[in-house]
């Protein structure tokens, strides 16, 4: 089911076309331009979406007591989130609770030494939820799951996998996630974009989501 899409992405990896911001008739910018210049990562979101800063996300992530959480946070180069919900908070970004308005989260970090030799496409698929075991039928506790896209991404800065899927979240709602996850060619870096909201919300805003995903470009440092 995988196929190389190069610079195209339906759930995408950051495109160079993002450099040309869309303008309205009156000359104002209709898109926000987000960039991690040091790592060569870019994407756009609608101009009215609110931003959750790296500072806020780092502070929220620092509360985690899970094994290796502090080391992973220390390895983060850049992370930002945007949402159509003006009241959206950093705690919601890092939670799997189903948003009722679309949100996008992008993260760039160095891989840990133990990850460099073990990371695979299945690892990238399973970043948010264990899709591999859920889809294989080996997990007795797997929720209802539907995968609508699972395809390879090839970018100048690396390669990885794009997966779009809908599942029944722990809050009992159907949530659709569009995730792009790439690793650099030397396996030293990981680049992630996640766009998600309830299934109904996602379908309603599909055109906006696809535009965001298509803008995701990974050029590398």
Protein backbone atom coordinates (compact mmCIF):
# COMPACT_ATOMS: atom_id res chain seq x y z
CA UNK A 1 0.00 0.00 0.00
CA UNK A 2 3.07 2.25 0.40
CA UNK A 3 4.19 4.52 -2.39
CA UNK A 4 6.82 7.24 -2.71
CA UNK A 5 5.21 10.63 -2.88
CA UNK A 6 8.32 12.81 -2.99
CA UNK A 7 7.37 16.41 -2.27
CA UNK A 8 3.66 15.67 -2.19
CA UNK A 9 1.79 14.88 0.93
CA UNK A 10 -1.68 14.28 1.75
CA UNK A 11 -0.78 14.31 5.39
CA UNK A 12 2.29 15.79 4.65
CA UNK A 13 5.77 16.65 4.96
CA UNK A 14 6.69 20.24 4.64
CA UNK A 15 6.72 21.46 1.05
CA UNK A 16 8.96 24.08 -0.51
CA UNK A 17 5.87 25.68 -2.02
CA UNK A 18 5.20 26.90 1.49
CA UNK A 19 7.70 29.66 0.78
CA UNK A 20 5.05 31.48 -1.27
CA UNK A 21 2.37 32.54 1.21
CA UNK A 22 -1.17 32.77 -0.09
CA UNK A 23 -2.45 36.36 -0.22
CA UNK A 24 -5.99 37.61 -0.06
CA UNK A 25 -7.35 40.14 -2.52
CA UNK A 26 -6.65 42.98 -0.10
CA UNK A 27 -3.02 41.94 0.24
CA UNK A 28 -3.06 40.50 3.78
CA UNK A 29 -1.48 37.13 4.56
CA UNK A 30 -4.12 34.40 4.92
CA UNK A 31 -1.65 31.85 6.27
CA UNK A 32 0.79 31.81 9.17
CA UNK A 33 4.25 30.63 8.31
CA UNK A 34 5.94 28.45 10.97
CA UNK A 35 9.60 27.56 10.62
CA UNK A 36 12.52 25.90 12.31
CA UNK A 37 15.25 27.43 10.17
CA UNK A 38 18.08 25.58 11.86
CA UNK A 39 16.63 22.20 10.97
CA UNK A 40 15.05 23.20 7.66
CA UNK A 41 11.43 22.51 8.64
CA UNK A 42 8.46 24.59 7.45
CA UNK A 43 4.68 24.55 7.33
CA UNK A 44 1.68 26.89 7.16
CA UNK A 45 -1.61 27.11 9.04
CA UNK A 46 -4.63 29.42 8.69
CA UNK A 47 -3.87 32.92 9.92
CA UNK A 48 -6.61 32.93 12.57
CA UNK A 49 -5.43 29.74 14.32
CA UNK A 50 -3.92 30.26 17.76
CA UNK A 51 -0.36 29.22 18.54
CA UNK A 52 0.80 27.12 21.49
CA UNK A 53 4.45 28.05 21.95
CA UNK A 54 7.46 25.83 22.46
CA UNK A 55 7.91 27.37 25.90
CA UNK A 56 4.41 26.28 26.95
CA UNK A 57 4.82 22.81 25.45
CA UNK A 58 8.22 22.31 27.08
CA UNK A 59 6.77 23.30 30.46
CA UNK A 60 3.90 20.84 30.02
CA UNK A 61 6.18 18.03 28.85
CA UNK A 62 8.52 18.64 31.80
CA UNK A 63 5.74 17.43 34.11
CA UNK A 64 6.01 13.90 32.72
CA UNK A 65 7.42 11.24 35.04
CA UNK A 66 7.67 8.51 32.41
CA UNK A 67 11.03 6.83 31.83
CA UNK A 68 13.31 8.82 29.52
CA UNK A 69 10.91 11.77 29.29
CA UNK A 70 13.47 14.30 30.54
CA UNK A 71 16.10 13.08 28.07
CA UNK A 72 13.67 13.24 25.17
CA UNK A 73 12.65 16.78 26.12
CA UNK A 74 16.30 17.81 26.29
CA UNK A 75 16.73 16.49 22.73
CA UNK A 76 13.85 18.59 21.33
CA UNK A 77 15.03 21.19 18.82
CA UNK A 78 11.60 22.64 18.08
CA UNK A 79 7.96 22.01 18.85
CA UNK A 80 4.87 24.14 18.23
CA UNK A 81 1.13 23.62 17.98
CA UNK A 82 -1.73 25.54 16.40
CA UNK A 83 -5.48 25.17 16.78
CA UNK A 84 -8.71 26.57 15.43
CA UNK A 85 -9.89 26.64 19.06
CA UNK A 86 -8.91 30.02 20.61
CA UNK A 87 -8.93 28.46 24.10
CA UNK A 88 -6.64 25.56 23.20
CA UNK A 89 -3.97 24.78 25.84
CA UNK A 90 -0.61 23.00 25.89
CA UNK A 91 -2.07 20.22 28.05
CA UNK A 92 -4.53 19.39 25.27
CA UNK A 93 -1.75 19.16 22.69
CA UNK A 94 -0.01 16.38 24.60
CA UNK A 95 -3.25 14.58 25.49
CA UNK A 96 -5.13 12.03 23.37
CA UNK A 97 -8.47 13.55 24.32
CA UNK A 98 -10.41 14.17 21.12
CA UNK A 99 -10.37 17.84 20.01
CA UNK A 100 -13.61 19.17 18.52
CA UNK A 101 -11.68 21.66 16.40
CA UNK A 102 -8.64 20.81 14.26
CA UNK A 103 -5.16 21.13 15.75
CA UNK A 104 -1.67 20.59 14.38
CA UNK A 105 1.45 19.69 16.34
CA UNK A 106 4.98 19.62 14.93
CA UNK A 107 8.04 18.29 16.75
CA UNK A 108 11.70 18.02 15.78
CA UNK A 109 14.20 16.28 18.02
CA UNK A 110 17.44 14.34 18.02
CA UNK A 111 17.11 10.59 18.37
CA UNK A 112 18.49 8.88 21.46
CA UNK A 113 21.51 6.58 20.91
CA UNK A 114 19.35 3.53 21.64
CA UNK A 115 16.77 4.69 19.08
CA UNK A 116 19.14 5.25 16.17
CA UNK A 117 19.68 1.56 15.42
CA UNK A 118 16.19 0.36 16.25
CA UNK A 119 13.86 2.89 14.62
CA UNK A 120 11.74 1.56 11.74
CA UNK A 121 8.67 2.55 9.77
CA UNK A 122 6.56 0.63 12.29
CA UNK A 123 8.16 2.71 15.05
CA UNK A 124 7.14 5.85 13.19
CA UNK A 125 3.58 4.54 12.69
CA UNK A 126 3.25 3.82 16.40
CA UNK A 127 4.30 7.23 17.70
CA UNK A 128 0.81 8.19 18.90
CA UNK A 129 -1.03 4.88 19.26
CA UNK A 130 0.11 1.27 18.61
CA UNK A 131 -1.27 1.04 15.09
CA UNK A 132 0.93 -1.95 14.21
CA UNK A 133 -0.52 -4.24 16.86
CA UNK A 134 -4.04 -2.84 16.54
CA UNK A 135 -4.13 -3.46 12.81
CA UNK A 136 -2.55 -6.92 13.06
CA UNK A 137 -5.37 -8.25 15.20
CA UNK A 138 -2.94 -9.37 17.93
CA UNK A 139 -4.25 -6.90 20.51
CA UNK A 140 -7.37 -8.06 22.31
CA UNK A 141 -7.96 -4.53 23.63
CA UNK A 142 -7.64 -2.79 20.26
CA UNK A 143 -10.39 -0.23 19.57
CA UNK A 144 -12.23 0.12 16.28
CA UNK A 145 -9.62 1.25 13.75
CA UNK A 146 -9.78 2.34 10.12
CA UNK A 147 -6.62 3.24 8.16
CA UNK A 148 -7.30 5.43 5.13
CA UNK A 149 -3.69 6.07 4.07
CA UNK A 150 -0.33 4.49 4.81
CA UNK A 151 2.35 5.64 2.39
CA UNK A 152 6.03 6.43 2.26
CA UNK A 153 7.28 10.02 2.36
CA UNK A 154 10.55 11.01 0.73
CA UNK A 155 11.91 14.48 1.44
CA UNK A 156 15.25 16.15 0.92
CA UNK A 157 15.88 16.01 4.68
CA UNK A 158 14.81 12.41 5.25
CA UNK A 159 12.17 9.78 4.67
CA UNK A 160 9.39 8.15 6.63
CA UNK A 161 5.73 7.26 6.67
CA UNK A 162 2.43 9.09 6.42
CA UNK A 163 -0.55 7.45 8.10
CA UNK A 164 -4.11 8.68 8.33
CA UNK A 165 -6.44 6.69 10.55
CA UNK A 166 -9.61 6.87 12.60
CA UNK A 167 -10.05 5.07 15.91
CA UNK A 168 -12.28 5.12 18.96
CA UNK A 169 -10.38 7.17 21.52
CA UNK A 170 -10.38 6.55 25.26
CA UNK A 171 -13.02 9.27 25.64
CA UNK A 172 -15.36 7.13 23.51
CA UNK A 173 -15.25 9.44 20.48
CA UNK A 174 -14.13 8.64 16.94
CA UNK A 175 -10.91 10.60 16.36
CA UNK A 176 -9.06 10.98 13.06
CA UNK A 177 -5.31 11.50 13.09
CA UNK A 178 -3.14 12.43 10.13
CA UNK A 179 0.50 11.91 11.03
CA UNK A 180 3.71 12.36 9.10
CA UNK A 181 6.87 11.01 10.72
CA UNK A 182 10.30 11.09 9.09
CA UNK A 183 13.83 10.31 10.17
CA UNK A 184 16.93 11.92 8.71
CA UNK A 185 19.03 9.81 6.37
CA UNK A 186 21.67 9.37 9.07
CA UNK A 187 18.97 8.39 11.61
CA UNK A 188 20.02 11.19 13.94
CA UNK A 189 16.81 13.26 13.77
CA UNK A 190 13.06 12.70 13.77
CA UNK A 191 10.49 15.10 12.28
CA UNK A 192 6.81 14.75 13.20
CA UNK A 193 3.58 16.46 12.15
CA UNK A 194 0.27 15.42 13.70
CA UNK A 195 -3.08 16.91 12.67
CA UNK A 196 -6.15 15.64 14.50
CA UNK A 197 -9.71 16.20 15.70
CA UNK A 198 -12.97 14.26 15.91
CA UNK A 199 -13.91 12.30 12.80
CA UNK A 200 -16.80 14.64 12.03
CA UNK A 201 -14.56 17.69 12.53
CA UNK A 202 -11.80 16.19 10.38
CA UNK A 203 -14.16 15.42 7.51
CA UNK A 204 -15.65 18.91 7.71
CA UNK A 205 -12.20 20.52 7.63
CA UNK A 206 -10.50 18.05 5.30
CA UNK A 207 -9.54 20.68 2.73
CA UNK A 208 -7.84 22.82 5.40
CA UNK A 209 -6.08 19.79 6.88
CA UNK A 210 -4.76 18.66 3.52
CA UNK A 211 -3.41 22.14 2.83
CA UNK A 212 -1.54 22.12 6.16
CA UNK A 213 -0.15 18.64 5.57
CA UNK A 214 0.89 19.52 2.03
CA UNK A 215 2.86 22.50 3.35
CA UNK A 216 4.98 20.38 5.70
CA UNK A 217 8.52 20.44 4.26
CA UNK A 218 11.63 18.79 5.69
CA UNK A 219 14.82 20.04 4.06
CA UNK A 220 17.20 19.18 6.88
CA UNK A 221 19.93 21.27 8.45
